[in-house]
N, C-alpha and C. Protein backbone atom coordinates (compact mmCIF):
# COMPACT_ATOMS: atom_id res chain seq x y z
N UNK A 1 97.31 0.55 181.54
CA UNK A 1 97.51 1.70 180.91
C UNK A 1 98.15 2.26 181.57
N UNK A 2 97.94 2.56 182.51
CA UNK A 2 99.30 3.54 183.82
C UNK A 2 100.54 3.18 183.56
N UNK A 3 100.95 2.27 183.26
CA UNK A 3 102.50 1.08 183.33
C UNK A 3 103.16 1.34 182.08
N UNK A 4 102.04 2.14 180.89
CA UNK A 4 102.89 2.37 179.55
C UNK A 4 103.25 4.01 179.41
N UNK A 5 104.54 4.06 178.46
CA UNK A 5 104.98 5.87 178.61
C UNK A 5 103.34 6.68 177.61
N UNK A 6 103.94 7.91 178.06
CA UNK A 6 103.36 8.40 176.98
C UNK A 6 103.21 8.37 175.85
N UNK A 7 104.44 7.85 175.11
CA UNK A 7 104.63 7.49 173.67
C UNK A 7 103.84 6.78 173.57
N UNK A 8 103.71 5.61 174.10
CA UNK A 8 103.38 4.06 173.55
C UNK A 8 101.79 4.48 174.27
N UNK A 9 100.98 5.26 175.00
CA UNK A 9 99.62 5.66 175.34
C UNK A 9 99.36 6.12 173.73
N UNK A 10 100.19 7.07 173.54
CA UNK A 10 99.66 8.30 172.33
C UNK A 10 99.84 6.97 171.00
N UNK A 11 100.75 6.01 170.41
CA UNK A 11 100.48 5.03 169.58
C UNK A 11 99.14 4.82 169.84
N UNK A 12 99.39 4.00 171.15
CA UNK A 12 98.07 3.36 170.92
C UNK A 12 96.31 3.70 170.69
N UNK A 13 96.27 5.34 170.95
CA UNK A 13 95.35 5.74 170.98
C UNK A 13 95.12 6.11 169.53
N UNK A 14 96.13 6.47 168.61
CA UNK A 14 96.35 6.91 167.28
C UNK A 14 96.15 5.57 166.40
N UNK A 15 96.40 4.44 166.61
CA UNK A 15 96.05 3.12 166.53
C UNK A 15 94.74 2.47 166.42
N UNK A 16 93.70 2.74 167.72
CA UNK A 16 92.57 2.42 167.78
C UNK A 16 91.81 3.34 167.81
N UNK A 17 92.36 4.95 167.70
CA UNK A 17 91.22 5.94 167.67
C UNK A 17 90.09 5.64 166.47
N UNK A 18 88.60 6.02 166.84
CA UNK A 18 87.50 6.03 165.98
C UNK A 18 87.13 7.23 165.64
N UNK A 19 87.79 8.35 165.75
CA UNK A 19 87.32 10.07 165.39
C UNK A 19 87.21 9.82 164.10
N UNK A 20 87.53 9.73 163.46
CA UNK A 20 86.96 9.75 161.99
C UNK A 20 85.75 8.88 161.71
N UNK A 21 84.90 8.13 162.46
CA UNK A 21 83.77 7.59 161.81
C UNK A 21 82.96 8.49 162.54
N UNK A 22 82.72 9.60 163.47
CA UNK A 22 82.22 9.92 164.42
C UNK A 22 81.58 11.29 163.34
N UNK A 23 79.95 11.58 163.33
CA UNK A 23 79.28 12.06 162.74
C UNK A 23 79.78 13.92 163.16
N UNK A 24 80.46 14.26 164.15
CA UNK A 24 81.21 15.35 164.51
C UNK A 24 82.68 15.50 163.75
N UNK A 25 83.25 14.74 163.35
CA UNK A 25 84.56 14.74 162.76
C UNK A 25 84.27 15.46 161.26
N UNK A 26 85.51 16.09 161.17
CA UNK A 26 85.48 17.09 160.25
C UNK A 26 87.25 16.58 159.34
N UNK A 27 87.52 16.29 158.51
CA UNK A 27 88.95 16.18 157.99
C UNK A 27 89.75 18.10 158.03
N UNK A 28 90.19 18.18 158.85
CA UNK A 28 90.95 19.72 158.69
C UNK A 28 92.03 19.96 158.03
N UNK A 29 92.35 18.72 157.46
CA UNK A 29 93.40 18.59 155.90
C UNK A 29 92.49 19.81 154.86
N UNK A 30 91.55 19.54 154.84
CA UNK A 30 90.44 20.19 153.60
C UNK A 30 90.88 21.18 153.79
N UNK A 31 90.88 22.40 155.01
CA UNK A 31 90.95 23.61 155.02
C UNK A 31 92.52 24.27 155.46
N UNK A 32 93.61 22.90 154.77
CA UNK A 32 94.62 23.50 154.83
C UNK A 32 95.54 23.40 156.47
N UNK A 33 94.49 22.49 157.26
CA UNK A 33 95.41 22.11 158.45
C UNK A 33 95.89 20.42 158.35
N UNK A 34 96.01 20.12 159.81
CA UNK A 34 96.09 18.55 159.18
C UNK A 34 95.56 17.73 159.65
N UNK A 35 95.19 16.95 159.22
CA UNK A 35 94.71 15.65 159.31
C UNK A 35 94.60 15.52 160.97
N UNK A 36 93.38 15.28 162.12
CA UNK A 36 93.91 14.38 163.50
C UNK A 36 92.99 13.81 163.51
N UNK A 37 92.99 13.42 164.90
CA UNK A 37 92.36 12.59 165.61
C UNK A 37 93.10 12.09 166.70
N UNK A 38 92.29 11.48 167.62
CA UNK A 38 92.74 11.12 169.00
C UNK A 38 92.42 11.85 170.23
N UNK A 39 91.82 13.41 169.90
CA UNK A 39 91.27 14.33 170.64
C UNK A 39 91.34 14.50 172.09
N UNK A 40 90.97 12.72 172.84
CA UNK A 40 91.04 12.33 173.90
C UNK A 40 92.40 12.69 174.81
N UNK A 41 93.60 12.17 173.78
CA UNK A 41 94.74 12.38 174.69
C UNK A 41 95.22 13.72 174.85
N UNK A 42 95.75 13.72 176.35
CA UNK A 42 96.13 15.38 176.25
C UNK A 42 96.88 15.89 175.33
N UNK A 43 98.01 15.02 174.79
CA UNK A 43 99.09 15.34 174.34
C UNK A 43 98.49 15.91 172.32
N UNK A 44 97.29 15.59 172.49
CA UNK A 44 96.71 16.35 171.22
C UNK A 44 95.41 17.22 171.40
N UNK A 45 94.47 16.80 172.59
CA UNK A 45 93.73 18.00 172.87
C UNK A 45 92.63 18.02 171.42
N UNK A 46 91.45 19.43 171.76
CA UNK A 46 90.39 19.32 171.17
C UNK A 46 91.00 19.87 169.20
N UNK A 47 90.38 19.76 168.42
CA UNK A 47 89.96 20.03 167.20
C UNK A 47 90.65 21.73 166.99
N UNK A 48 91.40 21.82 165.88
CA UNK A 48 91.57 23.37 165.52
C UNK A 48 90.27 23.70 164.42
N UNK A 49 89.79 22.59 163.84
CA UNK A 49 88.45 23.02 163.14
C UNK A 49 87.30 22.74 162.93
N UNK A 50 87.16 21.67 164.13
CA UNK A 50 85.99 21.22 164.31
C UNK A 50 84.71 21.96 165.22
N UNK A 51 84.13 22.38 165.12
CA UNK A 51 83.14 23.40 166.20
C UNK A 51 82.14 22.62 165.97
N UNK A 52 81.27 22.34 165.16
CA UNK A 52 79.85 21.87 165.62
C UNK A 52 79.92 20.44 165.82
N UNK A 53 79.08 20.01 167.73
CA UNK A 53 78.28 19.20 167.45
C UNK A 53 77.43 18.29 167.28
N UNK A 54 77.94 17.42 166.17
CA UNK A 54 76.41 16.32 165.64
C UNK A 54 76.28 15.32 165.87
N UNK A 55 76.64 15.05 167.35
CA UNK A 55 76.87 13.63 167.50
C UNK A 55 78.20 13.06 168.21
N UNK A 56 78.15 11.89 168.92
CA UNK A 56 79.44 11.62 169.27
C UNK A 56 79.66 9.93 169.45
N UNK A 57 80.29 9.40 169.28
CA UNK A 57 80.76 7.92 169.32
C UNK A 57 82.24 7.51 170.09
N UNK A 58 82.52 8.36 171.08
CA UNK A 58 83.42 8.30 171.62
C UNK A 58 82.99 7.50 173.21
N UNK A 59 81.90 6.81 173.56
CA UNK A 59 81.50 5.78 174.76
C UNK A 59 81.97 4.56 173.80
N UNK A 60 81.63 4.22 172.29
CA UNK A 60 82.03 2.89 171.82
C UNK A 60 83.46 2.89 171.32
N UNK A 61 84.42 3.78 171.35
CA UNK A 61 85.79 3.72 171.02
C UNK A 61 86.34 2.66 172.06
N UNK A 62 87.58 2.38 171.23
CA UNK A 62 88.10 0.92 172.10
C UNK A 62 89.12 1.76 173.43
N UNK A 63 89.52 3.32 172.72
CA UNK A 63 90.84 4.13 173.64
C UNK A 63 89.94 4.19 174.59
N UNK A 64 88.29 5.15 174.52
CA UNK A 64 87.28 5.30 175.83
C UNK A 64 87.38 4.01 176.64
N UNK A 65 87.69 2.70 176.30
CA UNK A 65 87.06 1.55 177.33
C UNK A 65 88.68 1.49 178.23
N UNK A 66 89.80 1.35 177.24
CA UNK A 66 91.01 1.05 177.31
C UNK A 66 91.43 1.77 178.38
N UNK A 67 91.30 3.50 178.06
CA UNK A 67 92.34 4.32 178.81
C UNK A 67 91.07 4.94 180.38
N UNK A 68 89.71 4.01 180.43
CA UNK A 68 88.59 4.78 181.75
C UNK A 68 88.04 5.87 181.83
N UNK A 69 87.59 6.70 180.20
CA UNK A 69 87.44 7.79 179.84
C UNK A 69 85.97 7.69 180.60
N UNK A 70 85.39 9.02 180.62
CA UNK A 70 84.16 9.37 181.40
C UNK A 70 83.74 10.67 180.51
N UNK A 71 84.50 11.16 179.62
CA UNK A 71 83.58 12.52 179.14
C UNK A 71 83.33 12.18 177.48
N UNK A 72 82.97 13.08 177.00
CA UNK A 72 82.60 13.02 175.30
C UNK A 72 83.03 14.24 174.77
N UNK A 73 82.78 14.32 173.63
CA UNK A 73 82.75 15.45 172.85
C UNK A 73 84.39 16.24 172.95
N UNK A 74 85.60 15.15 172.74
CA UNK A 74 87.06 15.52 173.27
C UNK A 74 87.35 16.41 171.88
N UNK A 75 86.83 16.35 170.73
CA UNK A 75 87.17 17.40 169.53
C UNK A 75 86.47 18.31 170.20
N UNK A 76 86.16 18.99 170.63
CA UNK A 76 85.08 19.96 170.86
C UNK A 76 85.93 20.76 172.09
N UNK A 77 85.68 19.51 173.11
CA UNK A 77 85.68 20.18 174.73
C UNK A 77 87.00 20.13 175.30
N UNK A 78 87.82 19.42 174.30
CA UNK A 78 89.54 19.23 174.89
C UNK A 78 89.47 17.86 175.73
N UNK A 79 90.61 17.52 175.95
CA UNK A 79 90.74 16.02 176.28
C UNK A 79 90.45 15.55 177.64
N UNK A 80 89.83 14.42 177.99
CA UNK A 80 89.78 13.90 179.19
C UNK A 80 90.09 14.93 180.14
N UNK A 81 91.68 14.81 180.49
CA UNK A 81 92.09 16.18 181.48
C UNK A 81 91.88 17.16 181.68
N UNK A 82 91.40 18.13 180.16
CA UNK A 82 91.36 19.05 180.31
C UNK A 82 89.53 19.45 180.38
N UNK A 83 88.98 18.52 180.32
CA UNK A 83 87.40 18.53 180.69
C UNK A 83 87.27 18.37 182.27
N UNK A 84 88.28 17.80 182.71
CA UNK A 84 87.82 17.42 184.37
C UNK A 84 88.43 18.64 184.94
N UNK A 85 89.57 19.64 184.29
CA UNK A 85 90.13 20.69 184.82
C UNK A 85 88.74 21.74 185.23
N UNK A 86 87.84 21.65 183.79
CA UNK A 86 86.99 22.57 183.77
C UNK A 86 85.84 22.55 183.92
N UNK A 87 85.99 21.50 185.07
CA UNK A 87 84.41 20.98 185.58
C UNK A 87 83.89 21.87 187.25
């Protein structure tokens, strides 16, 4: 992943993300926002409407494995980078 550009990484995230299958996922477009996913990616970050943590499937996502991620609940806690900075 390191050799990929940020745009290529974002494209990979958006094509392989499993956020929409998560029990915590909420479609923000139902509240007038945009449909969101790929919260682990720094250019996206946490959701604007998901506030409740109902379970997390991040660990089983192909993006999680490929990018070497280690945190969870990116939708409510922010990207991997943001969570690491807050420790």
